[in-house]
PDB file of N, CA and C in Angstrom:
ATOM      1  N   MET A   1       0.838  -1.188   0.000  1.00  0.00           N
ATOM      2  CA  MET A   1       0.000   0.000   0.000  1.00  0.00           C
ATOM      3  C   MET A   1       0.881   1.249   0.000  1.00  0.00           C
ATOM      4  N   THR A   2       0.584   2.177  -0.851  1.00  0.00           N
ATOM      5  CA  THR A   2       1.337   3.417  -0.954  1.00  0.00           C
ATOM      6  C   THR A   2       0.884   4.375   0.145  1.00  0.00           C
ATOM      7  N   PRO A   3       1.840   4.926   0.932  1.00  0.00           N
ATOM      8  CA  PRO A   3       1.451   5.851   2.002  1.00  0.00           C
ATOM      9  C   PRO A   3       0.884   7.150   1.447  1.00  0.00           C
ATOM     10  N   LYS A   4       0.070   7.809   2.251  1.00  0.00           N
ATOM     11  CA  LYS A   4      -0.529   9.095   1.876  1.00  0.00           C
ATOM     12  C   LYS A   4       0.159  10.203   2.670  1.00  0.00           C
ATOM     13  N   PHE A   5       0.594  11.230   1.970  1.00  0.00           N
ATOM     14  CA  PHE A   5       1.209  12.382   2.601  1.00  0.00           C
ATOM     15  C   PHE A   5       0.512  13.642   2.113  1.00  0.00           C
ATOM     16  N   LYS A   6       0.627  14.709   2.909  1.00  0.00           N
ATOM     17  CA  LYS A   6       0.065  16.004   2.537  1.00  0.00           C
ATOM     18  C   LYS A   6       1.204  16.982   2.276  1.00  0.00           C
ATOM     19  N   PHE A   7       0.918  18.013   1.497  1.00  0.00           N
ATOM     20  CA  PHE A   7       1.884  19.063   1.223  1.00  0.00           C
ATOM     21  C   PHE A   7       2.453  19.595   2.537  1.00  0.00           C
ATOM     22  N   GLY A   8       3.765  19.661   2.641  1.00  0.00           N
ATOM     23  CA  GLY A   8       4.412  20.209   3.828  1.00  0.00           C
ATOM     24  C   GLY A   8       4.773  19.180   4.876  1.00  0.00           C
ATOM     25  N   ASP A   9       4.319  17.925   4.744  1.00  0.00           N
ATOM     26  CA  ASP A   9       4.696  16.877   5.707  1.00  0.00           C
ATOM     27  C   ASP A   9       6.201  16.671   5.681  1.00  0.00           C
ATOM     28  N   ARG A  10       6.785  16.446   6.844  1.00  0.00           N
ATOM     29  CA  ARG A  10       8.197  16.074   6.920  1.00  0.00           C
ATOM     30  C   ARG A  10       8.270  14.560   6.764  1.00  0.00           C
ATOM     31  N   VAL A  11       9.102  14.102   5.821  1.00  0.00           N
ATOM     32  CA  VAL A  11       9.247  12.676   5.540  1.00  0.00           C
ATOM     33  C   VAL A  11      10.728  12.335   5.442  1.00  0.00           C
ATOM     34  N   ARG A  12      11.033  11.040   5.484  1.00  0.00           N
ATOM     35  CA  ARG A  12      12.398  10.559   5.279  1.00  0.00           C
ATOM     36  C   ARG A  12      12.323   9.197   4.610  1.00  0.00           C
ATOM     37  N   LEU A  13      13.429   8.786   4.026  1.00  0.00           N
ATOM     38  CA  LEU A  13      13.503   7.418   3.518  1.00  0.00           C
ATOM     39  C   LEU A  13      13.473   6.488   4.718  1.00  0.00           C
ATOM     40  N   ARG A  14      12.784   5.375   4.629  1.00  0.00           N
ATOM     41  CA  ARG A  14      12.653   4.452   5.763  1.00  0.00           C
ATOM     42  C   ARG A  14      14.026   4.141   6.356  1.00  0.00           C
ATOM     43  N   GLY A  15      14.160   4.399   7.650  1.00  0.00           N
ATOM     44  CA  GLY A  15      15.410   4.150   8.349  1.00  0.00           C
ATOM     45  C   GLY A  15      16.496   5.176   8.073  1.00  0.00           C
ATOM     46  N   GLY A  16      16.195   6.174   7.268  1.00  0.00           N
ATOM     47  CA  GLY A  16      17.193   7.179   6.912  1.00  0.00           C
ATOM     48  C   GLY A  16      17.222   8.343   7.878  1.00  0.00           C
ATOM     49  N   ALA A  17      18.271   9.139   7.774  1.00  0.00           N
ATOM     50  CA  ALA A  17      18.432  10.281   8.657  1.00  0.00           C
ATOM     51  C   ALA A  17      18.061  11.605   7.999  1.00  0.00           C
ATOM     52  N   PHE A  18      18.078  11.652   6.658  1.00  0.00           N
ATOM     53  CA  PHE A  18      17.811  12.911   5.964  1.00  0.00           C
ATOM     54  C   PHE A  18      16.320  13.205   5.928  1.00  0.00           C
ATOM     55  N   ALA A  19      15.982  14.449   6.224  1.00  0.00           N
ATOM     56  CA  ALA A  19      14.576  14.870   6.204  1.00  0.00           C
ATOM     57  C   ALA A  19      14.272  15.587   4.899  1.00  0.00           C
ATOM     58  N   PHE A  20      13.064  15.357   4.429  1.00  0.00           N
ATOM     59  CA  PHE A  20      12.572  15.992   3.212  1.00  0.00           C
ATOM     60  C   PHE A  20      11.215  16.609   3.507  1.00  0.00           C
ATOM     61  N   ILE A  21      10.837  17.567   2.704  1.00  0.00           N
ATOM     62  CA  ILE A  21       9.502  18.160   2.780  1.00  0.00           C
ATOM     63  C   ILE A  21       8.718  17.646   1.582  1.00  0.00           C
ATOM     64  N   PHE A  22       7.579  16.996   1.861  1.00  0.00           N
ATOM     65  CA  PHE A  22       6.743  16.450   0.794  1.00  0.00           C
ATOM     66  C   PHE A  22       6.065  17.592   0.055  1.00  0.00           C
ATOM     67  N   ILE A  23       6.139  17.555  -1.280  1.00  0.00           N
ATOM     68  CA  ILE A  23       5.509  18.584  -2.104  1.00  0.00           C
ATOM     69  C   ILE A  23       4.255  18.038  -2.780  1.00  0.00           C
ATOM     70  N   ALA A  24       4.409  16.963  -3.554  1.00  0.00           N
ATOM     71  CA  ALA A  24       3.266  16.424  -4.291  1.00  0.00           C
ATOM     72  C   ALA A  24       3.565  15.000  -4.743  1.00  0.00           C
ATOM     73  N   GLN A  25       2.500  14.264  -4.965  1.00  0.00           N
ATOM     74  CA  GLN A  25       2.632  12.928  -5.542  1.00  0.00           C
ATOM     75  C   GLN A  25       2.782  13.069  -7.045  1.00  0.00           C
ATOM     76  N   GLN A  26       3.716  12.308  -7.618  1.00  0.00           N
ATOM     77  CA  GLN A  26       3.936  12.327  -9.069  1.00  0.00           C
ATOM     78  C   GLN A  26       3.543  10.960  -9.607  1.00  0.00           C
ATOM     79  N   GLY A  27       2.509  10.928 -10.389  1.00  0.00           N
ATOM     80  CA  GLY A  27       2.030   9.638 -10.881  1.00  0.00           C
ATOM     81  C   GLY A  27       1.464   8.826  -9.740  1.00  0.00           C
ATOM     82  N   SER A  28       1.601   7.510  -9.807  1.00  0.00           N
ATOM     83  CA  SER A  28       1.027   6.673  -8.749  1.00  0.00           C
ATOM     84  C   SER A  28       2.042   6.226  -7.713  1.00  0.00           C
ATOM     85  N   ASN A  29       3.353   6.314  -8.016  1.00  0.00           N
ATOM     86  CA  ASN A  29       4.342   5.745  -7.107  1.00  0.00           C
ATOM     87  C   ASN A  29       5.455   6.677  -6.661  1.00  0.00           C
ATOM     88  N   ASP A  30       5.566   7.863  -7.209  1.00  0.00           N
ATOM     89  CA  ASP A  30       6.677   8.753  -6.884  1.00  0.00           C
ATOM     90  C   ASP A  30       6.196  10.005  -6.159  1.00  0.00           C
ATOM     91  N   ALA A  31       7.126  10.600  -5.413  1.00  0.00           N
ATOM     92  CA  ALA A  31       6.836  11.831  -4.680  1.00  0.00           C
ATOM     93  C   ALA A  31       7.867  12.882  -5.035  1.00  0.00           C
ATOM     94  N   ALA A  32       7.414  14.105  -5.187  1.00  0.00           N
ATOM     95  CA  ALA A  32       8.319  15.245  -5.329  1.00  0.00           C
ATOM     96  C   ALA A  32       8.588  15.765  -3.924  1.00  0.00           C
ATOM     97  N   VAL A  33       9.864  15.844  -3.557  1.00  0.00           N
ATOM     98  CA  VAL A  33      10.245  16.291  -2.223  1.00  0.00           C
ATOM     99  C   VAL A  33      11.369  17.311  -2.328  1.00  0.00           C
ATOM    100  N   LEU A  34      11.477  18.158  -1.313  1.00  0.00           N
ATOM    101  CA  LEU A  34      12.596  19.090  -1.180  1.00  0.00           C
ATOM    102  C   LEU A  34      13.470  18.605  -0.034  1.00  0.00           C
ATOM    103  N   CYS A  35      14.768  18.613  -0.233  1.00  0.00           N
ATOM    104  CA  CYS A  35      15.685  18.247   0.830  1.00  0.00           C
ATOM    105  C   CYS A  35      15.669  19.368   1.868  1.00  0.00           C
ATOM    106  N   GLU A  36      15.432  19.024   3.125  1.00  0.00           N
ATOM    107  CA  GLU A  36      15.338  20.028   4.177  1.00  0.00           C
ATOM    108  C   GLU A  36      16.683  20.722   4.369  1.00  0.00           C
ATOM    109  N   GLY A  37      16.674  22.026   4.374  1.00  0.00           N
ATOM    110  CA  GLY A  37      17.882  22.801   4.563  1.00  0.00           C
ATOM    111  C   GLY A  37      18.650  23.089   3.288  1.00  0.00           C
ATOM    112  N   GLU A  38      18.208  22.556   2.172  1.00  0.00           N
ATOM    113  CA  GLU A  38      18.863  22.804   0.892  1.00  0.00           C
ATOM    114  C   GLU A  38      17.792  23.156  -0.136  1.00  0.00           C
ATOM    115  N   ALA A  39      18.214  23.711  -1.223  1.00  0.00           N
ATOM    116  CA  ALA A  39      17.269  24.076  -2.276  1.00  0.00           C
ATOM    117  C   ALA A  39      17.298  23.039  -3.389  1.00  0.00           C
ATOM    118  N   LYS A  40      17.298  21.755  -3.019  1.00  0.00           N
ATOM    119  CA  LYS A  40      17.349  20.680  -4.003  1.00  0.00           C
ATOM    120  C   LYS A  40      16.052  19.879  -3.966  1.00  0.00           C
ATOM    121  N   ALA A  41      15.487  19.659  -5.136  1.00  0.00           N
ATOM    122  CA  ALA A  41      14.266  18.857  -5.249  1.00  0.00           C
ATOM    123  C   ALA A  41      14.631  17.468  -5.766  1.00  0.00           C
ATOM    124  N   PHE A  42      13.879  16.471  -5.294  1.00  0.00           N
ATOM    125  CA  PHE A  42      14.109  15.091  -5.692  1.00  0.00           C
ATOM    126  C   PHE A  42      12.781  14.435  -6.023  1.00  0.00           C
ATOM    127  N   SER A  43      12.863  13.365  -6.771  1.00  0.00           N
ATOM    128  CA  SER A  43      11.721  12.484  -6.982  1.00  0.00           C
ATOM    129  C   SER A  43      12.090  11.158  -6.345  1.00  0.00           C
ATOM    130  N   LEU A  44      11.296  10.736  -5.350  1.00  0.00           N
ATOM    131  CA  LEU A  44      11.584   9.504  -4.614  1.00  0.00           C
ATOM    132  C   LEU A  44      10.378   8.575  -4.650  1.00  0.00           C
ATOM    133  N   PRO A  45      10.607   7.256  -4.561  1.00  0.00           N
ATOM    134  CA  PRO A  45       9.483   6.313  -4.527  1.00  0.00           C
ATOM    135  C   PRO A  45       8.666   6.486  -3.247  1.00  0.00           C
ATOM    136  N   MET A  46       7.368   6.642  -3.398  1.00  0.00           N
ATOM    137  CA  MET A  46       6.473   6.841  -2.241  1.00  0.00           C
ATOM    138  C   MET A  46       6.583   5.713  -1.231  1.00  0.00           C
ATOM    139  N   GLN A  47       6.686   4.464  -1.701  1.00  0.00           N
ATOM    140  CA  GLN A  47       6.672   3.322  -0.782  1.00  0.00           C
ATOM    141  C   GLN A  47       7.913   3.270   0.111  1.00  0.00           C
ATOM    142  N   HIS A  48       8.959   4.053  -0.221  1.00  0.00           N
ATOM    143  CA  HIS A  48      10.169   4.076   0.596  1.00  0.00           C
ATOM    144  C   HIS A  48      10.199   5.248   1.576  1.00  0.00           C
ATOM    145  N   LEU A  49       9.141   6.045   1.608  1.00  0.00           N
ATOM    146  CA  LEU A  49       9.083   7.202   2.489  1.00  0.00           C
ATOM    147  C   LEU A  49       8.251   6.899   3.727  1.00  0.00           C
ATOM    148  N   GLU A  50       8.637   7.518   4.833  1.00  0.00           N
ATOM    149  CA  GLU A  50       7.840   7.433   6.062  1.00  0.00           C
ATOM    150  C   GLU A  50       7.711   8.824   6.656  1.00  0.00           C
ATOM    151  N   LEU A  51       6.607   9.045   7.352  1.00  0.00           N
ATOM    152  CA  LEU A  51       6.320  10.335   7.963  1.00  0.00           C
ATOM    153  C   LEU A  51       7.218  10.535   9.179  1.00  0.00           C
ATOM    154  N   ILE A  52       7.735  11.738   9.347  1.00  0.00           N
ATOM    155  CA  ILE A  52       8.445  12.113  10.572  1.00  0.00           C
ATOM    156  C   ILE A  52       7.414  12.817  11.443  1.00  0.00           C
ATOM    157  N   PRO A  53       7.006  12.192  12.547  1.00  0.00           N
ATOM    158  CA  PRO A  53       5.951  12.815  13.355  1.00  0.00           C
ATOM    159  C   PRO A  53       6.408  14.127  13.988  1.00  0.00           C
ATOM    160  N   HIS A  54       5.509  15.087  14.027  1.00  0.00           N
ATOM    161  CA  HIS A  54       5.781  16.370  14.673  1.00  0.00           C
ATOM    162  C   HIS A  54       5.899  16.127  16.179  1.00  0.00           C
ATOM    163  N   PRO A  55       6.867  16.755  16.864  1.00  0.00           N
ATOM    164  CA  PRO A  55       7.039  16.528  18.309  1.00  0.00           C
ATOM    165  C   PRO A  55       5.778  16.799  19.127  1.00  0.00           C
ATOM    166  N   ASP A  56       4.984  17.791  18.738  1.00  0.00           N
ATOM    167  CA  ASP A  56       3.756  18.067  19.495  1.00  0.00           C
ATOM    168  C   ASP A  56       2.734  16.942  19.321  1.00  0.00           C
ATOM    169  N   THR A  57       2.694  16.312  18.152  1.00  0.00           N
ATOM    170  CA  THR A  57       1.806  15.170  17.941  1.00  0.00           C
ATOM    171  C   THR A  57       2.233  14.005  18.815  1.00  0.00           C
ATOM    172  N   VAL A  58       3.529  13.777  18.924  1.00  0.00           N
ATOM    173  CA  VAL A  58       4.046  12.714  19.796  1.00  0.00           C
ATOM    174  C   VAL A  58       3.641  12.990  21.246  1.00  0.00           C
ATOM    175  N   ARG A  59       3.737  14.242  21.667  1.00  0.00           N
ATOM    176  CA  ARG A  59       3.352  14.606  23.041  1.00  0.00           C
ATOM    177  C   ARG A  59       1.859  14.359  23.284  1.00  0.00           C
ATOM    178  N   LEU A  60       1.019  14.784  22.338  1.00  0.00           N
ATOM    179  CA  LEU A  60      -0.425  14.598  22.501  1.00  0.00           C
ATOM    180  C   LEU A  60      -0.792  13.113  22.540  1.00  0.00           C
ATOM    181  N   ASN A  61      -0.166  12.312  21.691  1.00  0.00           N
ATOM    182  CA  ASN A  61      -0.421  10.869  21.703  1.00  0.00           C
ATOM    183  C   ASN A  61      -0.017  10.257  23.030  1.00  0.00           C
ATOM    184  N   PHE A  62       1.105  10.705  23.595  1.00  0.00           N
ATOM    185  CA  PHE A  62       1.552  10.208  24.899  1.00  0.00           C
ATOM    186  C   PHE A  62       0.526  10.505  25.979  1.00  0.00           C
ATOM    187  N   ILE A  63       0.034  11.732  26.008  1.00  0.00           N
ATOM    188  CA  ILE A  63      -0.967  12.110  27.021  1.00  0.00           C
ATOM    189  C   ILE A  63      -2.219  11.255  26.863  1.00  0.00           C
ATOM    190  N   GLN A  64      -2.676  11.082  25.633  1.00  0.00           N
ATOM    191  CA  GLN A  64      -3.886  10.303  25.379  1.00  0.00           C
ATOM    192  C   GLN A  64      -3.695   8.837  25.787  1.00  0.00           C
ATOM    193  N   GLU A  65      -2.564   8.244  25.427  1.00  0.00           N
ATOM    194  CA  GLU A  65      -2.322   6.834  25.710  1.00  0.00           C
ATOM    195  C   GLU A  65      -2.084   6.560  27.188  1.00  0.00           C
ATOM    196  N   ASN A  66      -1.568   7.532  27.926  1.00  0.00           N
ATOM    197  CA  ASN A  66      -1.210   7.320  29.328  1.00  0.00           C
ATOM    198  C   ASN A  66      -2.141   8.007  30.316  1.00  0.00           C
ATOM    199  N   PHE A  67      -3.227   8.591  29.830  1.00  0.00           N
ATOM    200  CA  PHE A  67      -4.252   9.215  30.670  1.00  0.00           C
ATOM    201  C   PHE A  67      -3.678  10.262  31.626  1.00  0.00           C
ATOM    202  N   TYR A  68      -2.774  11.063  31.118  1.00  0.00           N
ATOM    203  CA  TYR A  68      -2.210  12.126  31.956  1.00  0.00           C
ATOM    204  C   TYR A  68      -3.144  13.329  31.970  1.00  0.00           C
ATOM    205  N   ASP A  69      -3.188  13.992  33.110  1.00  0.00           N
ATOM    206  CA  ASP A  69      -3.857  15.284  33.236  1.00  0.00           C
ATOM    207  C   ASP A  69      -2.772  16.343  33.360  1.00  0.00           C
ATOM    208  N   ILE A  70      -2.998  17.489  32.774  1.00  0.00           N
ATOM    209  CA  ILE A  70      -2.064  18.601  32.901  1.00  0.00           C
ATOM    210  C   ILE A  70      -2.759  19.667  33.736  1.00  0.00           C
ATOM    211  N   PHE A  71      -2.113  20.077  34.802  1.00  0.00           N
ATOM    212  CA  PHE A  71      -2.661  21.102  35.661  1.00  0.00           C
ATOM    213  C   PHE A  71      -1.867  22.381  35.474  1.00  0.00           C
ATOM    214  N   SER A  72      -2.565  23.437  35.195  1.00  0.00           N
ATOM    215  CA  SER A  72      -1.933  24.728  34.956  1.00  0.00           C
ATOM    216  C   SER A  72      -2.266  25.642  36.126  1.00  0.00           C
ATOM    217  N   TYR A  73      -1.238  26.202  36.723  1.00  0.00           N
ATOM    218  CA  TYR A  73      -1.416  27.157  37.804  1.00  0.00           C
ATOM    219  C   TYR A  73      -1.040  28.527  37.248  1.00  0.00           C
ATOM    220  N   ARG A  74      -2.020  29.211  36.717  1.00  0.00           N
ATOM    221  CA  ARG A  74      -1.751  30.450  35.977  1.00  0.00           C
ATOM    222  C   ARG A  74      -1.188  31.559  36.867  1.00  0.00           C
ATOM    223  N   GLU A  75      -1.652  31.628  38.096  1.00  0.00           N
ATOM    224  CA  GLU A  75      -1.144  32.710  38.940  1.00  0.00           C
ATOM    225  C   GLU A  75       0.349  32.542  39.222  1.00  0.00           C
ATOM    226  N   ASN A  76       0.819  31.285  39.289  1.00  0.00           N
ATOM    227  CA  ASN A  76       2.242  31.028  39.503  1.00  0.00           C
ATOM    228  C   ASN A  76       2.961  30.668  38.206  1.00  0.00           C
ATOM    229  N   LYS A  77       2.205  30.516  37.111  1.00  0.00           N
ATOM    230  CA  LYS A  77       2.729  30.209  35.785  1.00  0.00           C
ATOM    231  C   LYS A  77       3.592  28.951  35.767  1.00  0.00           C
ATOM    232  N   TYR A  78       3.046  27.842  36.272  1.00  0.00           N
ATOM    233  CA  TYR A  78       3.751  26.578  36.118  1.00  0.00           C
ATOM    234  C   TYR A  78       2.764  25.452  35.871  1.00  0.00           C
ATOM    235  N   PHE A  79       3.281  24.315  35.397  1.00  0.00           N
ATOM    236  CA  PHE A  79       2.464  23.178  35.004  1.00  0.00           C
ATOM    237  C   PHE A  79       2.932  21.933  35.730  1.00  0.00           C
ATOM    238  N   ARG A  80       1.986  21.022  36.020  1.00  0.00           N
ATOM    239  CA  ARG A  80       2.321  19.734  36.617  1.00  0.00           C
ATOM    240  C   ARG A  80       1.545  18.655  35.889  1.00  0.00           C
ATOM    241  N   MET A  81       2.102  17.442  35.903  1.00  0.00           N
ATOM    242  CA  MET A  81       1.479  16.290  35.255  1.00  0.00           C
ATOM    243  C   MET A  81       0.956  15.348  36.335  1.00  0.00           C
ATOM    244  N   SER A  82      -0.178  14.731  36.097  1.00  0.00           N
ATOM    245  CA  SER A  82      -0.736  13.770  37.043  1.00  0.00           C
ATOM    246  C   SER A  82      -1.344  12.608  36.282  1.00  0.00           C
ATOM    247  N   LYS A  83      -1.144  11.391  36.805  1.00  0.00           N
ATOM    248  CA  LYS A  83      -1.797  10.215  36.245  1.00  0.00           C
ATOM    249  C   LYS A  83      -3.124   9.947  36.956  1.00  0.00           C
ATOM    250  N   SER A  84      -3.345  10.593  38.061  1.00  0.00           N
ATOM    251  CA  SER A  84      -4.547  10.364  38.840  1.00  0.00           C
ATOM    252  C   SER A  84      -5.672  11.276  38.379  1.00  0.00           C
ATOM    253  N   VAL A  85      -6.785  10.669  37.969  1.00  0.00           N
ATOM    254  CA  VAL A  85      -7.932  11.469  37.541  1.00  0.00           C
ATOM    255  C   VAL A  85      -8.762  11.886  38.746  1.00  0.00           C
ATOM    256  N   GLU A  86      -8.904  10.966  39.724  1.00  0.00           N
ATOM    257  CA  GLU A  86      -9.740  11.251  40.896  1.00  0.00           C
ATOM    258  C   GLU A  86      -9.039  12.161  41.901  1.00  0.00           C
ATOM    259  N   GLU A  87      -7.759  11.877  42.170  1.00  0.00           N
ATOM    260  CA  GLU A  87      -7.034  12.637  43.176  1.00  0.00           C
ATOM    261  C   GLU A  87      -6.140  13.657  42.489  1.00  0.00           C
ATOM    262  N   LYS A  88      -6.624  14.864  42.402  1.00  0.00           N
ATOM    263  CA  LYS A  88      -5.908  15.903  41.678  1.00  0.00           C
ATOM    264  C   LYS A  88      -4.626  16.346  42.402  1.00  0.00           C
ATOM    265  N   GLU A  89      -4.442  15.948  43.664  1.00  0.00           N
ATOM    266  CA  GLU A  89      -3.257  16.363  44.408  1.00  0.00           C
ATOM    267  C   GLU A  89      -2.064  15.432  44.188  1.00  0.00           C
ATOM    268  N   VAL A  90      -2.251  14.302  43.523  1.00  0.00           N
ATOM    269  CA  VAL A  90      -1.162  13.350  43.300  1.00  0.00           C
ATOM    270  C   VAL A  90      -0.469  13.700  41.998  1.00  0.00           C
ATOM    271  N   PHE A  91       0.803  14.103  42.083  1.00  0.00           N
ATOM    272  CA  PHE A  91       1.550  14.528  40.907  1.00  0.00           C
ATOM    273  C   PHE A  91       2.741  13.618  40.687  1.00  0.00           C
ATOM    274  N   ASP A  92       3.087  13.428  39.426  1.00  0.00           N
ATOM    275  CA  ASP A  92       4.197  12.556  39.059  1.00  0.00           C
ATOM    276  C   ASP A  92       5.481  13.310  38.771  1.00  0.00           C
ATOM    277  N   GLY A  93       5.582  14.533  39.137  1.00  0.00           N
ATOM    278  CA  GLY A  93       6.807  15.255  38.835  1.00  0.00           C
ATOM    279  C   GLY A  93       6.825  16.646  39.410  1.00  0.00           C
ATOM    280  N   GLU A  94       7.911  17.306  39.160  1.00  0.00           N
ATOM    281  CA  GLU A  94       8.120  18.665  39.629  1.00  0.00           C
ATOM    282  C   GLU A  94       7.318  19.645  38.769  1.00  0.00           C
ATOM    283  N   PRO A  95       7.052  20.834  39.305  1.00  0.00           N
ATOM    284  CA  PRO A  95       6.401  21.852  38.468  1.00  0.00           C
ATOM    285  C   PRO A  95       7.370  22.373  37.404  1.00  0.00           C
ATOM    286  N   TYR A  96       6.832  22.727  36.250  1.00  0.00           N
ATOM    287  CA  TYR A  96       7.634  23.243  35.139  1.00  0.00           C
ATOM    288  C   TYR A  96       7.051  24.546  34.642  1.00  0.00           C
ATOM    289  N   ASP A  97       7.918  25.391  34.103  1.00  0.00           N
ATOM    290  CA  ASP A  97       7.492  26.679  33.556  1.00  0.00           C
ATOM    291  C   ASP A  97       6.810  26.531  32.212  1.00  0.00           C
ATOM    292  N   ASP A  98       7.032  25.417  31.538  1.00  0.00           N
ATOM    293  CA  ASP A  98       6.559  25.214  30.179  1.00  0.00           C
ATOM    294  C   ASP A  98       5.822  23.882  30.109  1.00  0.00           C
ATOM    295  N   VAL A  99       4.645  23.857  29.489  1.00  0.00           N
ATOM    296  CA  VAL A  99       3.859  22.624  29.416  1.00  0.00           C
ATOM    297  C   VAL A  99       4.597  21.553  28.611  1.00  0.00           C
ATOM    298  N   ARG A 100       5.322  21.931  27.566  1.00  0.00           N
ATOM    299  CA  ARG A 100       6.084  20.949  26.788  1.00  0.00           C
ATOM    300  C   ARG A 100       7.156  20.297  27.649  1.00  0.00           C
ATOM    301  N   GLN A 101       7.785  21.088  28.492  1.00  0.00           N
ATOM    302  CA  GLN A 101       8.822  20.574  29.391  1.00  0.00           C
ATOM    303  C   GLN A 101       8.218  19.556  30.362  1.00  0.00           C
ATOM    304  N   ALA A 102       7.034  19.838  30.885  1.00  0.00           N
ATOM    305  CA  ALA A 102       6.361  18.914  31.802  1.00  0.00           C
ATOM    306  C   ALA A 102       6.008  17.607  31.091  1.00  0.00           C
ATOM    307  N   ILE A 103       5.514  17.686  29.861  1.00  0.00           N
ATOM    308  CA  ILE A 103       5.156  16.487  29.099  1.00  0.00           C
ATOM    309  C   ILE A 103       6.406  15.685  28.761  1.00  0.00           C
ATOM    310  N   ASP A 104       7.458  16.359  28.299  1.00  0.00           N
ATOM    311  CA  ASP A 104       8.701  15.662  27.955  1.00  0.00           C
ATOM    312  C   ASP A 104       9.271  14.922  29.164  1.00  0.00           C
ATOM    313  N   ASN A 105       9.212  15.542  30.338  1.00  0.00           N
ATOM    314  CA  ASN A 105       9.703  14.895  31.546  1.00  0.00           C
ATOM    315  C   ASN A 105       8.877  13.650  31.871  1.00  0.00           C
ATOM    316  N   ALA A 106       7.565  13.747  31.748  1.00  0.00           N
ATOM    317  CA  ALA A 106       6.702  12.588  32.007  1.00  0.00           C
ATOM    318  C   ALA A 106       6.980  11.469  31.003  1.00  0.00           C
ATOM    319  N   MET A 107       7.237  11.821  29.751  1.00  0.00           N
ATOM    320  CA  MET A 107       7.563  10.817  28.725  1.00  0.00           C
ATOM    321  C   MET A 107       8.871  10.108  29.070  1.00  0.00           C
ATOM    322  N   GLN A 108       9.865  10.860  29.534  1.00  0.00           N
ATOM    323  CA  GLN A 108      11.136  10.244  29.920  1.00  0.00           C
ATOM    324  C   GLN A 108      10.960   9.319  31.116  1.00  0.00           C
ATOM    325  N   GLN A 109      10.130   9.719  32.076  1.00  0.00           N
ATOM    326  CA  GLN A 109       9.875   8.859  33.234  1.00  0.00           C
ATOM    327  C   GLN A 109       9.224   7.545  32.813  1.00  0.00           C
ATOM    328  N   GLU A 110       8.282   7.596  31.861  1.00  0.00           N
ATOM    329  CA  GLU A 110       7.620   6.369  31.386  1.00  0.00           C
ATOM    330  C   GLU A 110       8.618   5.455  30.677  1.00  0.00           C
ATOM    331  N   GLN A 111       9.551   6.022  29.934  1.00  0.00           N
ATOM    332  CA  GLN A 111      10.524   5.209  29.197  1.00  0.00           C
ATOM    333  C   GLN A 111      11.489   4.486  30.119  1.00  0.00           C
ATOM    334  N   THR A 112      11.760   5.055  31.286  1.00  0.00           N
ATOM    335  CA  THR A 112      12.710   4.433  32.223  1.00  0.00           C
ATOM    336  C   THR A 112      12.057   3.387  33.117  1.00  0.00           C
ATOM    337  N   LYS A 113      10.742   3.262  33.048  1.00  0.00           N
ATOM    338  CA  LYS A 113      10.044   2.245  33.877  1.00  0.00           C
ATOM    339  C   LYS A 113      10.223   0.868  33.315  1.00  0.00           C
TER     340      LYS A 113
END
């Protein structure tokens, strides 16, 4: 099955390190891509490309899969993560100034378990 990409998606060759920006599908099997950071366009086989997930999408999927709650204390401008839905006082980490920082820390804690 040929993968589906949208204009502007970040993609790479499967297992590869180089990132490309998807431009358009050419015919039924090829993709027009731009090499990220360079002004070079390529035509690559669609079946060899994979999506590079956006970091914020990875964070949202983590929260959804692990049932985390994010608590925002606006007067003090910090965020905390909790796995407890019923007991809002049980927190799994230190307060953070940035919600992304709080999520990233919770993701690292889950990986070390």
